[in-house]
Amino acid sequence: MTMLLARQAPTAPGGLPLLGHTLSLLRSDRVGYLTSLQPVGDLVRIRIGTRPFLVLNSPELVRTVMVEEAKSFDRGRIFQKARPYVGDGLFTAEGPEHLRQRRMVQPAFHREQIQRSIRIMSDVVREQAAAWRPGETVAMDREMHVMASEIIGQTMFLAPEAREVVQLARDELPALLQGLGQRTLLPDFLARVPTSVGRRFAAACADLRDAAARLVAVYRKDLGDLGDFVSLLFGAQDARTGTTLTDTQIRDQIMTLLIAGIETPATLMTWAMYELARDPALRQRLESEVDKVADGRDLEAAHLPALTLTEAFVRENLRLHHPLWILMRRAVKPVTLGGVTIEPGSEVLYSPAALQRDPAIFADPLRFNPDRWLGDAPTERMQRAFMPFGLGNRQCIGDAFSAVQMKITIAGIVASRRLELPAGFRPKTVISSIVHLDQLPMTVHARGNN
């Protein structure tokens, strides 16, 4: 009966022999291209090289794949390509092994752990913002990477030896992400061709893997329980199976946290600084809220619930500037999506960034408007389409930590500094595995002097 009712998804226009739609996915406006497929249908066929993929263009279908039919899919091509280089941590693990690791790592992101981290986050933001001298122009994209790496380093890795590993990760991430993006999109026969991007990618992964392994050895040999992320991994035991993590698995979890915990928040906060500077009225509203709530004191956990506009700003930044332009899943058993039969081995993909710019769901989608999240403004479909940290058992394990970090970062900077864009500045985006600003020079002013 399923086969009789099954339909064929429409094919995206513009495919080429051998390359399929690869060139469209490699061009600079990849999110724009995927958004352009939304009118074609909720399910659209494309080809990467000669390999077919189904693009999911509705939040309902994405939820079906990620939640209702989660057991029918594994992680797919991106993570398969990444596994030999970044290991088999939460980022790439599949099935029961992923669930086992998740249970063991989850305590690092419990509410109590996050609450203890808020003071550190606040101190890092305050100290770095204070170091920006009024009148100077800073590379804000780099400053946000430094800030994100300091927060991860000071909250998750307390061994003195860890500082070098965190700095290495920050420096190597651009090459790692560019290489991973290239390997994901290029047809296999082209991905095997030696290139400078590929060589830098392999070297960056090897450097980070070796540094993480050395850090594990230091904890294993010389350190007691520091109460940090690595110490927790050493003491973690799966309550269901009684198993613990091997040194290799701990190394892989360290790599996963460094990759996810630096680049994504740094990218989002760079966009946030851009949005703050280009809308003085919104900036003044945020200043008023922070001044009223904090009243000149350092930000603490008790202040966060009252920062409602700041939270809406974070949500809108996650919506409009979501860094992940593509995610993939592979069917491991037959499943029907929107009347289309998906056979085992078939690949589906979706774009969180494109879904959150769908004009059928978000009015004036390219406008940065935090007010769309305040009060009764968000519709049910907006809420369902907003999935910045993923869904189901693959939802980002550090979602609450990241949300608090972004709120503290924005409020902490707004409390003491005003940022100005260069005259005539136009943002230029770069896409590798994520979408990020190429550069963001900003002139710093003290509050009250601008």
Protein backbone atom coordinates (compact mmCIF):
# COMPACT_ATOMS: atom_id res chain seq x y z
CA MET A 1 0.00 0.00 0.00
CA THR A 2 2.87 2.36 0.82
CA MET A 3 4.38 1.88 -2.62
CA LEU A 4 1.04 2.61 -4.31
CA LEU A 5 0.66 5.88 -2.39
CA ALA A 6 4.30 6.93 -2.69
CA ARG A 7 5.10 9.91 -4.88
CA GLN A 8 8.28 11.30 -6.37
CA ALA A 9 9.78 14.49 -5.00
CA PRO A 10 10.43 17.22 -7.58
CA THR A 11 14.02 17.73 -8.73
CA ALA A 12 15.74 21.09 -8.30
CA PRO A 13 16.57 22.83 -11.58
CA GLY A 14 20.13 23.45 -12.71
CA GLY A 15 21.77 20.05 -12.18
CA LEU A 16 24.87 19.26 -14.26
CA PRO A 17 26.26 15.93 -15.49
CA LEU A 18 28.64 14.34 -12.94
CA LEU A 19 28.52 17.41 -10.67
CA GLY A 20 24.77 17.59 -10.09
CA HIS A 21 23.98 20.65 -7.94
CA THR A 22 27.42 20.76 -6.31
CA LEU A 23 28.38 24.11 -7.85
CA SER A 24 25.23 25.74 -6.46
CA LEU A 25 26.10 24.41 -3.02
CA LEU A 26 29.68 25.63 -3.31
CA ARG A 27 28.82 29.19 -4.26
CA SER A 28 29.03 31.92 -1.63
CA ASP A 29 25.28 32.28 -0.94
CA ARG A 30 24.56 28.68 -0.05
CA VAL A 31 21.80 29.59 2.39
CA GLY A 32 20.21 31.68 -0.35
CA TYR A 33 20.33 28.75 -2.74
CA LEU A 34 18.71 26.37 -0.26
CA THR A 35 16.08 29.01 0.56
CA SER A 36 15.32 29.25 -3.16
CA LEU A 37 14.30 25.57 -3.12
CA GLN A 38 11.48 26.17 -0.63
CA PRO A 39 8.89 27.14 -3.28
CA VAL A 40 9.74 23.95 -5.24
CA GLY A 41 8.28 21.77 -2.50
CA ASP A 42 8.61 20.44 1.03
CA LEU A 43 10.83 17.68 -0.39
CA VAL A 44 13.20 18.45 -3.27
CA ARG A 45 15.72 16.16 -4.95
CA ILE A 46 19.24 17.38 -5.62
CA ARG A 47 22.50 15.64 -6.48
CA ILE A 48 25.95 16.17 -4.96
CA GLY A 49 28.09 14.75 -7.70
CA THR A 50 26.09 11.75 -8.83
CA ARG A 51 24.76 11.02 -5.32
CA PRO A 52 21.07 11.91 -4.75
CA PHE A 53 19.83 13.78 -1.67
CA LEU A 54 16.40 14.87 -0.51
CA VAL A 55 16.22 18.44 0.82
CA LEU A 56 13.71 18.89 3.67
CA ASN A 57 12.03 22.28 3.38
CA SER A 58 9.47 22.13 6.19
CA PRO A 59 9.99 22.09 9.97
CA GLU A 60 7.39 19.32 10.22
CA LEU A 61 9.46 16.98 8.04
CA VAL A 62 12.64 17.86 9.92
CA ARG A 63 10.90 16.99 13.19
CA THR A 64 9.76 13.71 11.70
CA VAL A 65 13.35 12.80 10.82
CA MET A 66 14.92 14.07 14.05
CA VAL A 67 12.28 12.95 16.56
CA GLU A 68 9.44 10.68 15.42
CA GLU A 69 11.59 8.60 13.03
CA ALA A 70 14.97 9.20 14.68
CA LYS A 71 15.71 5.47 14.88
CA SER A 72 15.28 5.21 11.11
CA PHE A 73 18.28 7.50 10.45
CA ASP A 74 21.96 7.74 11.32
CA ARG A 75 24.10 10.86 11.09
CA GLY A 76 25.00 10.67 7.42
CA ARG A 77 27.74 11.92 5.13
CA ILE A 78 29.08 14.93 7.07
CA PHE A 79 29.77 12.92 10.18
CA GLN A 80 31.02 9.88 8.27
CA LYS A 81 33.57 12.14 6.59
CA ALA A 82 34.56 13.74 9.90
CA ARG A 83 34.95 10.57 12.01
CA PRO A 84 38.46 9.56 10.83
CA TYR A 85 39.74 13.02 11.68
CA VAL A 86 37.91 14.18 14.82
CA GLY A 87 37.29 10.80 16.42
CA ASP A 88 34.15 9.13 17.68
CA GLY A 89 32.88 11.52 20.34
CA LEU A 90 29.35 12.88 20.65
CA PHE A 91 29.84 14.76 17.38
CA THR A 92 30.09 11.59 15.30
CA ALA A 93 29.02 8.59 17.44
CA GLU A 94 26.02 6.56 16.28
CA GLY A 95 23.18 4.56 17.83
CA PRO A 96 23.64 2.96 21.26
CA GLU A 97 27.22 4.25 21.53
CA HIS A 98 26.01 7.82 21.11
CA LEU A 99 23.33 7.37 23.79
CA ARG A 100 25.87 5.79 26.14
CA GLN A 101 28.30 8.68 25.69
CA ARG A 102 25.54 11.25 26.06
CA ARG A 103 24.44 9.81 29.39
CA MET A 104 28.02 9.97 30.65
CA VAL A 105 28.79 13.50 29.44
CA GLN A 106 25.43 15.07 30.37
CA PRO A 107 26.36 15.88 34.01
CA ALA A 108 28.90 18.43 32.76
CA PHE A 109 25.97 20.52 31.49
CA HIS A 110 23.53 20.13 34.38
CA ARG A 111 21.91 23.28 35.68
CA GLU A 112 24.11 23.38 38.78
CA GLN A 113 27.27 23.27 36.65
CA ILE A 114 26.00 26.09 34.44
CA GLN A 115 25.08 28.21 37.47
CA ARG A 116 28.65 27.85 38.77
CA SER A 117 29.99 28.95 35.38
CA ILE A 118 28.02 32.20 35.18
CA ARG A 119 30.39 34.15 37.41
CA ILE A 120 33.37 33.02 35.31
CA MET A 121 31.59 33.98 32.09
CA SER A 122 30.75 37.41 33.51
CA ASP A 123 34.34 37.98 34.64
CA VAL A 124 35.78 36.99 31.25
CA VAL A 125 33.43 39.32 29.37
CA ARG A 126 33.97 42.25 31.73
CA GLU A 127 37.76 41.93 31.71
CA GLN A 128 38.07 41.58 27.95
CA ALA A 129 35.68 44.45 27.23
CA ALA A 130 37.59 46.64 29.71
CA ALA A 131 40.80 45.93 27.77
CA TRP A 132 39.32 47.58 24.66
CA ARG A 133 40.55 51.16 24.89
CA PRO A 134 38.00 53.83 23.93
CA GLY A 135 38.74 55.15 20.47
CA GLU A 136 40.66 52.10 19.27
CA THR A 137 39.51 49.87 16.42
CA VAL A 138 39.56 46.16 17.19
CA ALA A 139 39.04 43.05 15.09
CA MET A 140 35.81 42.06 16.80
CA ASP A 141 35.63 38.71 15.01
CA ARG A 142 38.94 37.73 16.61
CA GLU A 143 37.93 39.21 19.97
CA MET A 144 34.82 37.03 20.04
CA HIS A 145 36.92 33.93 19.33
CA VAL A 146 39.27 34.85 22.17
CA MET A 147 36.32 35.45 24.49
CA ALA A 148 34.64 32.14 23.60
CA SER A 149 37.87 30.19 24.04
CA GLU A 150 38.56 31.87 27.40
CA ILE A 151 35.08 30.97 28.62
CA ILE A 152 35.48 27.34 27.56
CA GLY A 153 38.98 27.18 28.97
CA GLN A 154 38.13 28.70 32.35
CA THR A 155 34.87 26.79 32.87
CA MET A 156 35.70 23.36 31.40
CA PHE A 157 39.50 22.84 31.44
CA LEU A 158 41.17 23.81 34.71
CA ALA A 159 44.57 22.14 34.28
CA PRO A 160 47.33 24.67 33.46
CA GLU A 161 48.37 22.48 30.52
CA ALA A 162 44.91 22.88 28.99
CA ARG A 163 45.44 26.54 28.09
CA GLU A 164 47.80 25.63 25.24
CA VAL A 165 45.30 23.08 23.91
CA VAL A 166 42.44 25.61 23.93
CA GLN A 167 44.57 28.19 22.11
CA LEU A 168 45.64 25.59 19.54
CA ALA A 169 42.01 24.68 18.92
CA ARG A 170 41.09 28.33 18.39
CA ASP A 171 43.92 28.80 15.89
CA GLU A 172 43.30 25.56 13.97
CA LEU A 173 39.50 25.76 13.69
CA PRO A 174 39.35 27.80 10.45
CA ALA A 175 41.40 25.19 8.55
CA LEU A 176 39.47 22.34 10.14
CA LEU A 177 36.05 23.73 9.26
CA GLN A 178 37.02 24.74 5.73
CA GLY A 179 38.43 21.31 5.01
CA LEU A 180 35.44 19.49 6.48
CA GLY A 181 33.06 21.56 4.37
CA GLN A 182 35.01 20.79 1.22
CA ARG A 183 35.17 17.06 1.91
CA THR A 184 31.44 16.94 2.58
CA LEU A 185 30.36 18.62 -0.64
CA LEU A 186 32.84 17.49 -3.24
CA PRO A 187 32.15 14.21 -5.04
CA ASP A 188 34.38 11.47 -3.65
CA PHE A 189 36.61 11.38 -6.74
CA LEU A 190 37.34 15.11 -6.36
CA ALA A 191 37.67 15.02 -2.56
CA ARG A 192 40.56 12.57 -2.95
CA VAL A 193 42.56 15.04 -5.07
CA PRO A 194 45.36 16.56 -2.91
CA THR A 195 44.77 20.27 -2.28
CA SER A 196 46.20 22.88 0.08
CA VAL A 197 42.82 23.01 1.85
CA GLY A 198 42.88 19.24 2.34
CA ARG A 199 46.43 19.25 3.64
CA ARG A 200 45.73 22.05 6.11
CA PHE A 201 42.60 20.21 7.26
CA ALA A 202 44.45 16.94 7.89
CA ALA A 203 47.27 18.75 9.70
CA ALA A 204 44.86 20.75 11.89
CA CYS A 205 42.96 17.60 12.90
CA ALA A 206 46.20 15.75 13.67
CA ASP A 207 47.55 18.65 15.75
CA LEU A 208 44.36 18.95 17.77
CA ARG A 209 44.02 15.20 18.21
CA ASP A 210 47.62 14.90 19.48
CA ALA A 211 47.24 17.87 21.83
CA ALA A 212 44.02 16.45 23.29
CA ALA A 213 45.71 13.07 23.79
CA ARG A 214 48.61 14.72 25.63
CA LEU A 215 46.13 16.51 27.88
CA VAL A 216 44.42 13.21 28.70
CA ALA A 217 47.80 11.76 29.63
CA VAL A 218 48.49 14.70 31.96
CA TYR A 219 45.17 14.25 33.77
CA ARG A 220 45.69 10.49 33.95
CA LYS A 221 49.19 10.75 35.43
CA ASP A 222 49.51 13.93 37.43
CA LEU A 223 46.17 15.43 38.36
CA GLY A 224 43.44 14.60 40.81
CA ASP A 225 39.80 15.54 40.40
CA LEU A 226 39.74 19.24 39.48
CA GLY A 227 35.96 19.27 39.22
CA ASP A 228 36.16 20.23 35.55
CA PHE A 229 34.98 18.66 32.29
CA VAL A 230 37.96 16.33 31.86
CA SER A 231 37.84 15.17 35.48
CA LEU A 232 34.16 14.40 35.05
CA LEU A 233 34.94 12.29 31.98
CA PHE A 234 37.52 10.29 33.93
CA GLY A 235 34.99 9.59 36.66
CA ALA A 236 31.99 9.00 34.41
CA GLN A 237 30.31 5.61 34.54
CA ASP A 238 27.27 4.54 32.58
CA ALA A 239 24.65 3.63 35.18
CA ARG A 240 23.00 1.16 32.81
CA THR A 241 26.08 -0.75 31.67
CA GLY A 242 28.72 0.06 34.28
CA THR A 243 31.17 0.99 31.49
CA THR A 244 33.60 3.90 31.60
CA LEU A 245 35.25 5.98 28.90
CA THR A 246 38.61 4.94 27.46
CA ASP A 247 41.41 7.49 27.09
CA THR A 248 40.74 7.61 23.36
CA GLN A 249 37.06 8.33 23.96
CA ILE A 250 37.95 11.07 26.47
CA ARG A 251 40.28 12.56 23.86
CA ASP A 252 37.45 12.55 21.32
CA GLN A 253 35.06 14.27 23.76
CA ILE A 254 37.66 16.98 24.37
CA MET A 255 37.96 17.57 20.62
CA THR A 256 34.17 17.69 20.26
CA LEU A 257 33.79 20.28 23.02
CA LEU A 258 36.60 22.47 21.68
CA ILE A 259 35.24 22.46 18.13
CA ALA A 260 31.63 23.13 19.12
CA GLY A 261 32.33 25.29 22.15
CA ILE A 262 34.55 27.87 20.49
CA GLU A 263 33.55 28.36 16.87
CA THR A 264 29.75 28.40 17.12
CA PRO A 265 29.37 30.89 20.01
CA ALA A 266 32.19 33.06 18.62
CA THR A 267 30.49 33.20 15.22
CA LEU A 268 27.12 34.06 16.74
CA MET A 269 28.57 36.73 19.01
CA THR A 270 30.39 38.34 16.09
CA TRP A 271 27.04 38.68 14.33
CA ALA A 272 25.51 40.00 17.56
CA MET A 273 28.10 42.78 17.80
CA TYR A 274 27.33 43.72 14.19
CA GLU A 275 23.59 43.92 14.90
CA LEU A 276 24.17 45.95 18.06
CA ALA A 277 26.17 48.55 16.19
CA ARG A 278 23.84 49.02 13.25
CA ASP A 279 20.66 49.67 15.26
CA PRO A 280 21.20 52.46 17.84
CA ALA A 281 17.57 52.37 19.02
CA LEU A 282 17.75 48.66 19.78
CA ARG A 283 21.13 49.12 21.47
CA GLN A 284 19.68 51.82 23.73
CA ARG A 285 16.80 49.54 24.71
CA LEU A 286 19.27 46.82 25.64
CA GLU A 287 21.38 49.29 27.62
CA SER A 288 18.32 50.41 29.56
CA GLU A 289 17.36 46.84 30.38
CA VAL A 290 20.86 45.87 31.52
CA ASP A 291 21.26 49.07 33.57
CA LYS A 292 17.91 48.49 35.30
CA VAL A 293 18.47 44.80 36.02
CA ALA A 294 22.16 44.79 36.99
CA ASP A 295 22.26 48.34 38.42
CA GLY A 296 26.02 48.55 37.95
CA ARG A 297 26.75 45.17 39.55
CA ASP A 298 28.40 42.17 37.92
CA LEU A 299 25.90 39.93 36.16
CA GLU A 300 24.78 36.94 38.18
CA ALA A 301 22.39 34.04 37.67
CA ALA A 302 19.63 35.91 39.51
CA HIS A 303 19.71 38.70 36.90
CA LEU A 304 19.12 36.50 33.85
CA PRO A 305 15.33 35.93 34.01
CA ALA A 306 14.69 39.70 33.94
CA LEU A 307 16.81 40.21 30.79
CA THR A 308 13.85 39.52 28.49
CA LEU A 309 14.88 41.78 25.60
CA THR A 310 18.42 40.39 25.78
CA GLU A 311 17.01 36.88 25.55
CA ALA A 312 14.87 37.89 22.56
CA PHE A 313 18.00 39.39 20.96
CA VAL A 314 19.80 36.06 21.44
CA ARG A 315 16.89 34.15 19.88
CA GLU A 316 16.70 36.47 16.88
CA ASN A 317 20.45 36.22 16.39
CA LEU A 318 20.17 32.43 16.44
CA ARG A 319 17.33 32.63 13.92
CA LEU A 320 18.78 35.02 11.35
CA HIS A 321 22.45 34.16 11.74
CA HIS A 322 22.35 30.45 12.45
CA PRO A 323 25.85 29.23 11.60
CA LEU A 324 24.86 25.77 10.35
CA TRP A 325 23.81 25.98 6.71
CA ILE A 326 23.53 22.23 6.18
CA LEU A 327 22.94 19.05 8.19
CA MET A 328 22.50 15.53 6.86
CA ARG A 329 20.95 12.21 7.87
CA ARG A 330 21.04 8.78 6.22
CA ALA A 331 18.13 6.31 6.31
CA VAL A 332 18.95 2.94 7.88
CA LYS A 333 15.48 1.46 7.36
CA PRO A 334 12.56 2.20 5.02
CA VAL A 335 10.54 5.26 6.00
CA THR A 336 7.95 7.46 4.28
CA LEU A 337 8.31 11.25 4.41
CA GLY A 338 5.57 13.42 2.98
CA GLY A 339 4.36 10.56 0.81
CA VAL A 340 7.86 9.85 -0.56
CA THR A 341 9.37 6.44 0.20
CA ILE A 342 12.92 6.70 1.59
CA GLU A 343 14.94 3.52 1.17
CA PRO A 344 17.86 2.49 3.42
CA GLY A 345 21.04 4.28 2.38
CA SER A 346 19.16 7.33 1.08
CA GLU A 347 20.45 10.69 2.28
CA VAL A 348 18.35 13.65 3.42
CA LEU A 349 19.58 17.13 4.27
CA TYR A 350 18.16 20.30 5.71
CA SER A 351 19.38 23.80 6.44
CA PRO A 352 18.61 25.25 9.88
CA ALA A 353 19.62 28.66 8.53
CA ALA A 354 17.29 28.43 5.52
CA LEU A 355 14.33 27.06 7.49
CA GLN A 356 14.58 29.99 9.90
CA ARG A 357 14.42 32.42 6.97
CA ASP A 358 11.32 30.94 5.37
CA PRO A 359 9.02 33.90 4.49
CA ALA A 360 5.98 31.65 4.82
CA ILE A 361 6.81 31.29 8.53
CA PHE A 362 8.75 34.43 9.51
CA ALA A 363 7.44 37.80 8.38
CA ASP A 364 10.14 39.97 6.76
CA PRO A 365 12.64 37.15 7.43
CA LEU A 366 15.85 39.02 6.57
CA ARG A 367 15.09 41.80 9.07
CA PHE A 368 16.75 41.50 12.48
CA ASN A 369 13.79 41.98 14.81
CA PRO A 370 14.00 40.68 18.41
CA ASP A 371 10.45 41.92 19.05
CA ARG A 372 9.12 38.97 17.05
CA TRP A 373 9.96 36.84 20.12
CA LEU A 374 8.43 39.04 22.82
CA GLY A 375 5.05 38.60 24.46
CA ASP A 376 2.44 36.88 22.33
CA ALA A 377 4.20 37.74 19.04
CA PRO A 378 5.71 34.35 18.15
CA THR A 379 3.27 32.03 16.40
CA GLU A 380 3.17 28.29 17.02
CA ARG A 381 4.72 27.61 13.61
CA MET A 382 7.54 30.07 14.35
CA GLN A 383 8.24 28.22 17.57
CA ARG A 384 8.26 24.86 15.77
CA ALA A 385 10.52 26.14 12.98
CA PHE A 386 12.98 27.61 15.49
CA MET A 387 15.41 24.77 16.19
CA PRO A 388 18.81 26.41 16.80
CA PHE A 389 20.25 23.55 18.83
CA GLY A 390 18.74 20.65 16.93
CA LEU A 391 16.07 18.23 18.10
CA GLY A 392 15.55 14.88 19.75
CA ASN A 393 18.39 12.76 21.06
CA ARG A 394 20.79 14.70 18.83
CA GLN A 395 19.93 18.08 20.35
CA CYS A 396 23.11 19.92 21.33
CA ILE A 397 24.08 18.75 24.79
CA GLY A 398 25.45 22.21 25.59
CA ASP A 399 22.37 24.18 24.49
CA ALA A 400 21.59 25.67 27.92
CA PHE A 401 25.25 26.51 28.53
CA SER A 402 25.52 28.24 25.15
CA ALA A 403 22.29 30.22 25.61
CA VAL A 404 23.48 31.54 28.98
CA GLN A 405 26.92 32.31 27.57
CA MET A 406 25.46 34.40 24.74
CA LYS A 407 23.15 36.28 27.09
CA ILE A 408 26.01 37.08 29.48
CA THR A 409 28.27 38.14 26.61
CA ILE A 410 25.76 40.57 25.09
CA ALA A 411 24.66 42.05 28.42
CA GLY A 412 28.23 42.32 29.71
CA ILE A 413 29.45 44.23 26.65
CA VAL A 414 26.39 46.47 26.50
CA ALA A 415 26.93 47.41 30.15
CA SER A 416 30.25 49.17 29.51
CA ARG A 417 30.95 49.62 25.80
CA ARG A 418 29.39 50.96 22.63
CA LEU A 419 30.66 49.64 19.32
CA GLU A 420 30.76 51.50 16.01
CA LEU A 421 31.04 50.09 12.50
CA PRO A 422 33.37 51.70 9.95
CA ALA A 423 31.65 54.10 7.58
CA GLY A 424 30.23 52.22 4.61
CA PHE A 425 30.93 48.80 6.12
CA ARG A 426 29.21 45.94 4.31
CA PRO A 427 29.29 42.49 5.90
CA LYS A 428 30.90 39.74 3.84
CA THR A 429 30.08 36.18 4.74
CA VAL A 430 32.35 33.19 4.35
CA ILE A 431 31.00 29.66 4.29
CA SER A 432 32.93 26.53 5.14
CA SER A 433 31.16 24.09 7.42
CA ILE A 434 29.45 27.12 8.95
CA VAL A 435 28.42 30.64 7.89
CA HIS A 436 30.51 33.37 9.47
CA LEU A 437 31.59 36.97 8.93
CA ASP A 438 34.86 37.37 7.09
CA GLN A 439 35.91 40.23 9.35
CA LEU A 440 34.36 42.78 11.68
CA PRO A 441 36.48 45.84 12.51
CA MET A 442 34.78 48.00 15.15
CA THR A 443 35.66 51.19 16.97
CA VAL A 444 35.16 51.01 20.73
CA HIS A 445 33.58 53.77 22.81
CA ALA A 446 32.94 53.94 26.52
CA ARG A 447 29.30 54.25 27.51
CA GLY A 448 28.32 57.90 27.60
CA ASN A 449 31.05 58.98 25.16
CA ASN A 450 29.24 58.13 21.95
